[in-house]
Amino acid sequence: MPALDACALCAKRLARDSDVFMYRGDTPFCSKECRHEQLQLDAVSARQAARRLQRFSAGAESGRAHHGVSVSS
């Protein structure tokens, strides 16, 4: 669980009397902009992971076909 004393993106100290912008329940940010930037970074990472999985799956399927292994049941 992240500490609630600094922004998770820019590491700016969070003042006790200022607003804290939360993301994913327990990740603090100093501003809407920092929270939004993290949200965008997470979206990019998710898309990249999905592409890697898709390439891996496609490679595994072609590998089975190449080795004469039936893909259908």
N, C-alpha and C. Protein backbone atom coordinates (compact mmCIF):
# COMPACT_ATOMS: atom_id res chain seq x y z
N MET A 1 0.85 -1.18 0.00
CA MET A 1 0.00 0.00 0.00
C MET A 1 0.89 1.24 0.00
N PRO A 2 0.67 2.16 -0.95
CA PRO A 2 1.51 3.35 -1.02
C PRO A 2 1.31 4.26 0.20
N ALA A 3 2.37 4.94 0.57
CA ALA A 3 2.26 5.92 1.65
C ALA A 3 1.44 7.10 1.14
N LEU A 4 0.72 7.73 2.04
CA LEU A 4 -0.14 8.84 1.65
C LEU A 4 0.51 10.19 1.90
N ASP A 5 1.84 10.23 1.93
CA ASP A 5 2.51 11.49 2.20
C ASP A 5 3.12 12.14 0.96
N ALA A 6 3.07 11.45 -0.19
CA ALA A 6 3.64 12.01 -1.42
C ALA A 6 2.87 11.52 -2.63
N CYS A 7 2.87 12.34 -3.67
CA CYS A 7 2.21 11.99 -4.93
C CYS A 7 2.89 10.77 -5.54
N ALA A 8 2.10 9.81 -5.97
CA ALA A 8 2.64 8.58 -6.53
C ALA A 8 3.32 8.80 -7.88
N LEU A 9 3.04 9.93 -8.55
CA LEU A 9 3.64 10.17 -9.86
C LEU A 9 4.84 11.10 -9.76
N CYS A 10 4.63 12.28 -9.19
CA CYS A 10 5.71 13.29 -9.19
C CYS A 10 6.47 13.37 -7.86
N ALA A 11 6.01 12.63 -6.85
CA ALA A 11 6.64 12.56 -5.54
C ALA A 11 6.55 13.86 -4.74
N LYS A 12 5.72 14.79 -5.17
CA LYS A 12 5.52 16.03 -4.42
C LYS A 12 4.88 15.69 -3.08
N ARG A 13 5.38 16.31 -2.02
CA ARG A 13 4.82 16.09 -0.68
C ARG A 13 3.37 16.54 -0.67
N LEU A 14 2.53 15.75 -0.04
CA LEU A 14 1.12 16.10 0.08
C LEU A 14 0.90 16.82 1.41
N ALA A 15 0.40 18.05 1.32
CA ALA A 15 0.13 18.83 2.53
C ALA A 15 -1.11 18.27 3.22
N ARG A 16 -1.12 18.31 4.52
CA ARG A 16 -2.25 17.78 5.29
C ARG A 16 -3.55 18.55 5.00
N ASP A 17 -3.43 19.82 4.64
CA ASP A 17 -4.62 20.63 4.43
C ASP A 17 -5.01 20.77 2.95
N SER A 18 -4.38 19.97 2.07
CA SER A 18 -4.72 20.05 0.64
C SER A 18 -5.50 18.81 0.20
N ASP A 19 -6.16 18.95 -0.94
CA ASP A 19 -6.89 17.81 -1.49
C ASP A 19 -5.92 16.74 -1.96
N VAL A 20 -6.34 15.50 -1.81
CA VAL A 20 -5.58 14.36 -2.30
C VAL A 20 -6.47 13.65 -3.31
N PHE A 21 -5.94 13.37 -4.48
CA PHE A 21 -6.70 12.74 -5.56
C PHE A 21 -6.29 11.27 -5.62
N MET A 22 -7.25 10.40 -5.33
CA MET A 22 -6.96 8.98 -5.22
C MET A 22 -7.26 8.26 -6.54
N TYR A 23 -6.52 7.17 -6.76
CA TYR A 23 -6.70 6.32 -7.94
C TYR A 23 -6.54 4.87 -7.50
N ARG A 24 -7.41 4.03 -7.98
CA ARG A 24 -7.39 2.61 -7.63
C ARG A 24 -7.48 2.38 -6.13
N GLY A 25 -8.18 3.25 -5.47
CA GLY A 25 -8.48 3.06 -4.06
C GLY A 25 -7.43 3.53 -3.08
N ASP A 26 -6.14 3.30 -3.35
CA ASP A 26 -5.14 3.61 -2.34
C ASP A 26 -3.90 4.32 -2.87
N THR A 27 -3.96 4.85 -4.08
CA THR A 27 -2.81 5.53 -4.66
C THR A 27 -3.07 7.03 -4.69
N PRO A 28 -2.29 7.81 -3.94
CA PRO A 28 -2.53 9.25 -3.84
C PRO A 28 -1.81 10.07 -4.92
N PHE A 29 -2.46 11.14 -5.35
CA PHE A 29 -1.87 12.08 -6.31
C PHE A 29 -2.11 13.49 -5.82
N CYS A 30 -1.21 14.40 -6.17
CA CYS A 30 -1.29 15.78 -5.70
C CYS A 30 -2.29 16.60 -6.52
N SER A 31 -2.64 16.13 -7.71
CA SER A 31 -3.53 16.91 -8.57
C SER A 31 -4.31 15.98 -9.50
N LYS A 32 -5.36 16.54 -10.08
CA LYS A 32 -6.12 15.80 -11.08
C LYS A 32 -5.23 15.46 -12.27
N GLU A 33 -4.31 16.36 -12.60
CA GLU A 33 -3.42 16.15 -13.75
C GLU A 33 -2.49 14.97 -13.53
N CYS A 34 -1.90 14.87 -12.34
CA CYS A 34 -1.02 13.72 -12.06
C CYS A 34 -1.83 12.42 -12.08
N ARG A 35 -3.01 12.43 -11.49
CA ARG A 35 -3.85 11.23 -11.49
C ARG A 35 -4.21 10.84 -12.92
N HIS A 36 -4.57 11.83 -13.75
CA HIS A 36 -4.94 11.55 -15.13
C HIS A 36 -3.74 11.01 -15.92
N GLU A 37 -2.57 11.57 -15.69
CA GLU A 37 -1.37 11.09 -16.38
C GLU A 37 -1.10 9.63 -16.03
N GLN A 38 -1.26 9.27 -14.75
CA GLN A 38 -1.06 7.87 -14.34
C GLN A 38 -2.09 6.96 -14.99
N LEU A 39 -3.33 7.44 -15.06
CA LEU A 39 -4.39 6.68 -15.70
C LEU A 39 -4.02 6.40 -17.16
N GLN A 40 -3.49 7.43 -17.86
CA GLN A 40 -3.08 7.25 -19.26
C GLN A 40 -1.90 6.28 -19.36
N LEU A 41 -0.93 6.40 -18.47
CA LEU A 41 0.21 5.47 -18.48
C LEU A 41 -0.25 4.04 -18.26
N ASP A 42 -1.19 3.84 -17.35
CA ASP A 42 -1.72 2.50 -17.11
C ASP A 42 -2.45 1.96 -18.34
N ALA A 43 -3.18 2.83 -19.03
CA ALA A 43 -3.90 2.41 -20.24
C ALA A 43 -2.91 1.98 -21.33
N VAL A 44 -1.83 2.73 -21.49
CA VAL A 44 -0.81 2.38 -22.48
C VAL A 44 -0.18 1.04 -22.12
N SER A 45 0.15 0.85 -20.84
CA SER A 45 0.74 -0.42 -20.40
C SER A 45 -0.20 -1.59 -20.64
N ALA A 46 -1.49 -1.38 -20.39
CA ALA A 46 -2.47 -2.45 -20.61
C ALA A 46 -2.57 -2.81 -22.09
N ARG A 47 -2.55 -1.79 -22.95
CA ARG A 47 -2.61 -2.06 -24.40
C ARG A 47 -1.35 -2.81 -24.86
N GLN A 48 -0.19 -2.42 -24.35
CA GLN A 48 1.04 -3.11 -24.73
C GLN A 48 1.03 -4.55 -24.25
N ALA A 49 0.55 -4.79 -23.04
CA ALA A 49 0.47 -6.16 -22.52
C ALA A 49 -0.49 -7.00 -23.36
N ALA A 50 -1.60 -6.40 -23.77
CA ALA A 50 -2.57 -7.13 -24.60
C ALA A 50 -1.96 -7.48 -25.95
N ARG A 51 -1.18 -6.56 -26.53
CA ARG A 51 -0.52 -6.85 -27.82
C ARG A 51 0.51 -7.96 -27.67
N ARG A 52 1.28 -7.92 -26.56
CA ARG A 52 2.28 -8.97 -26.33
C ARG A 52 1.59 -10.32 -26.19
N LEU A 53 0.50 -10.36 -25.44
CA LEU A 53 -0.24 -11.61 -25.27
C LEU A 53 -0.79 -12.10 -26.60
N GLN A 54 -1.30 -11.17 -27.40
CA GLN A 54 -1.85 -11.54 -28.71
C GLN A 54 -0.75 -12.10 -29.61
N ARG A 55 0.43 -11.46 -29.60
CA ARG A 55 1.54 -11.97 -30.42
C ARG A 55 2.00 -13.33 -29.93
N PHE A 56 2.07 -13.49 -28.60
CA PHE A 56 2.48 -14.76 -28.03
C PHE A 56 1.48 -15.85 -28.42
N SER A 57 0.20 -15.54 -28.29
CA SER A 57 -0.84 -16.52 -28.63
C SER A 57 -0.78 -16.87 -30.11
N ALA A 58 -0.59 -15.90 -30.97
CA ALA A 58 -0.51 -16.15 -32.40
C ALA A 58 0.72 -17.01 -32.71
N GLY A 59 1.83 -16.74 -32.03
CA GLY A 59 3.04 -17.53 -32.23
C GLY A 59 2.87 -18.95 -31.76
N ALA A 60 2.17 -19.13 -30.65
CA ALA A 60 1.93 -20.47 -30.13
C ALA A 60 1.02 -21.25 -31.07
N GLU A 61 0.02 -20.60 -31.61
CA GLU A 61 -0.89 -21.26 -32.56
C GLU A 61 -0.14 -21.66 -33.82
N SER A 62 0.68 -20.77 -34.36
CA SER A 62 1.41 -21.12 -35.58
C SER A 62 2.45 -22.20 -35.30
N GLY A 63 2.99 -22.21 -34.09
CA GLY A 63 3.95 -23.25 -33.73
C GLY A 63 3.31 -24.61 -33.67
N ARG A 64 2.09 -24.68 -33.16
CA ARG A 64 1.37 -25.95 -33.12
C ARG A 64 1.06 -26.44 -34.53
N ALA A 65 0.62 -25.54 -35.38
CA ALA A 65 0.28 -25.90 -36.75
C ALA A 65 1.54 -26.36 -37.49
N HIS A 66 2.66 -25.68 -37.23
CA HIS A 66 3.91 -26.00 -37.89
C HIS A 66 4.41 -27.39 -37.49
N HIS A 67 4.14 -27.79 -36.26
CA HIS A 67 4.61 -29.09 -35.78
C HIS A 67 3.58 -30.20 -35.97
N GLY A 68 2.53 -29.92 -36.70
CA GLY A 68 1.55 -30.93 -37.01
C GLY A 68 0.58 -31.23 -35.88
N VAL A 69 0.50 -30.34 -34.90
CA VAL A 69 -0.42 -30.54 -33.79
C VAL A 69 -1.75 -29.90 -34.16
N SER A 70 -2.80 -30.65 -34.00
CA SER A 70 -4.13 -30.15 -34.32
C SER A 70 -4.55 -29.10 -33.31
N VAL A 71 -5.09 -27.97 -33.80
CA VAL A 71 -5.52 -26.89 -32.94
C VAL A 71 -6.98 -27.08 -32.55
N SER A 72 -7.78 -27.69 -33.43
CA SER A 72 -9.20 -27.90 -33.14
C SER A 72 -9.40 -29.24 -32.45
N SER A 73 -10.55 -29.36 -31.76
CA SER A 73 -10.85 -30.62 -31.05
C SER A 73 -11.67 -31.53 -31.92
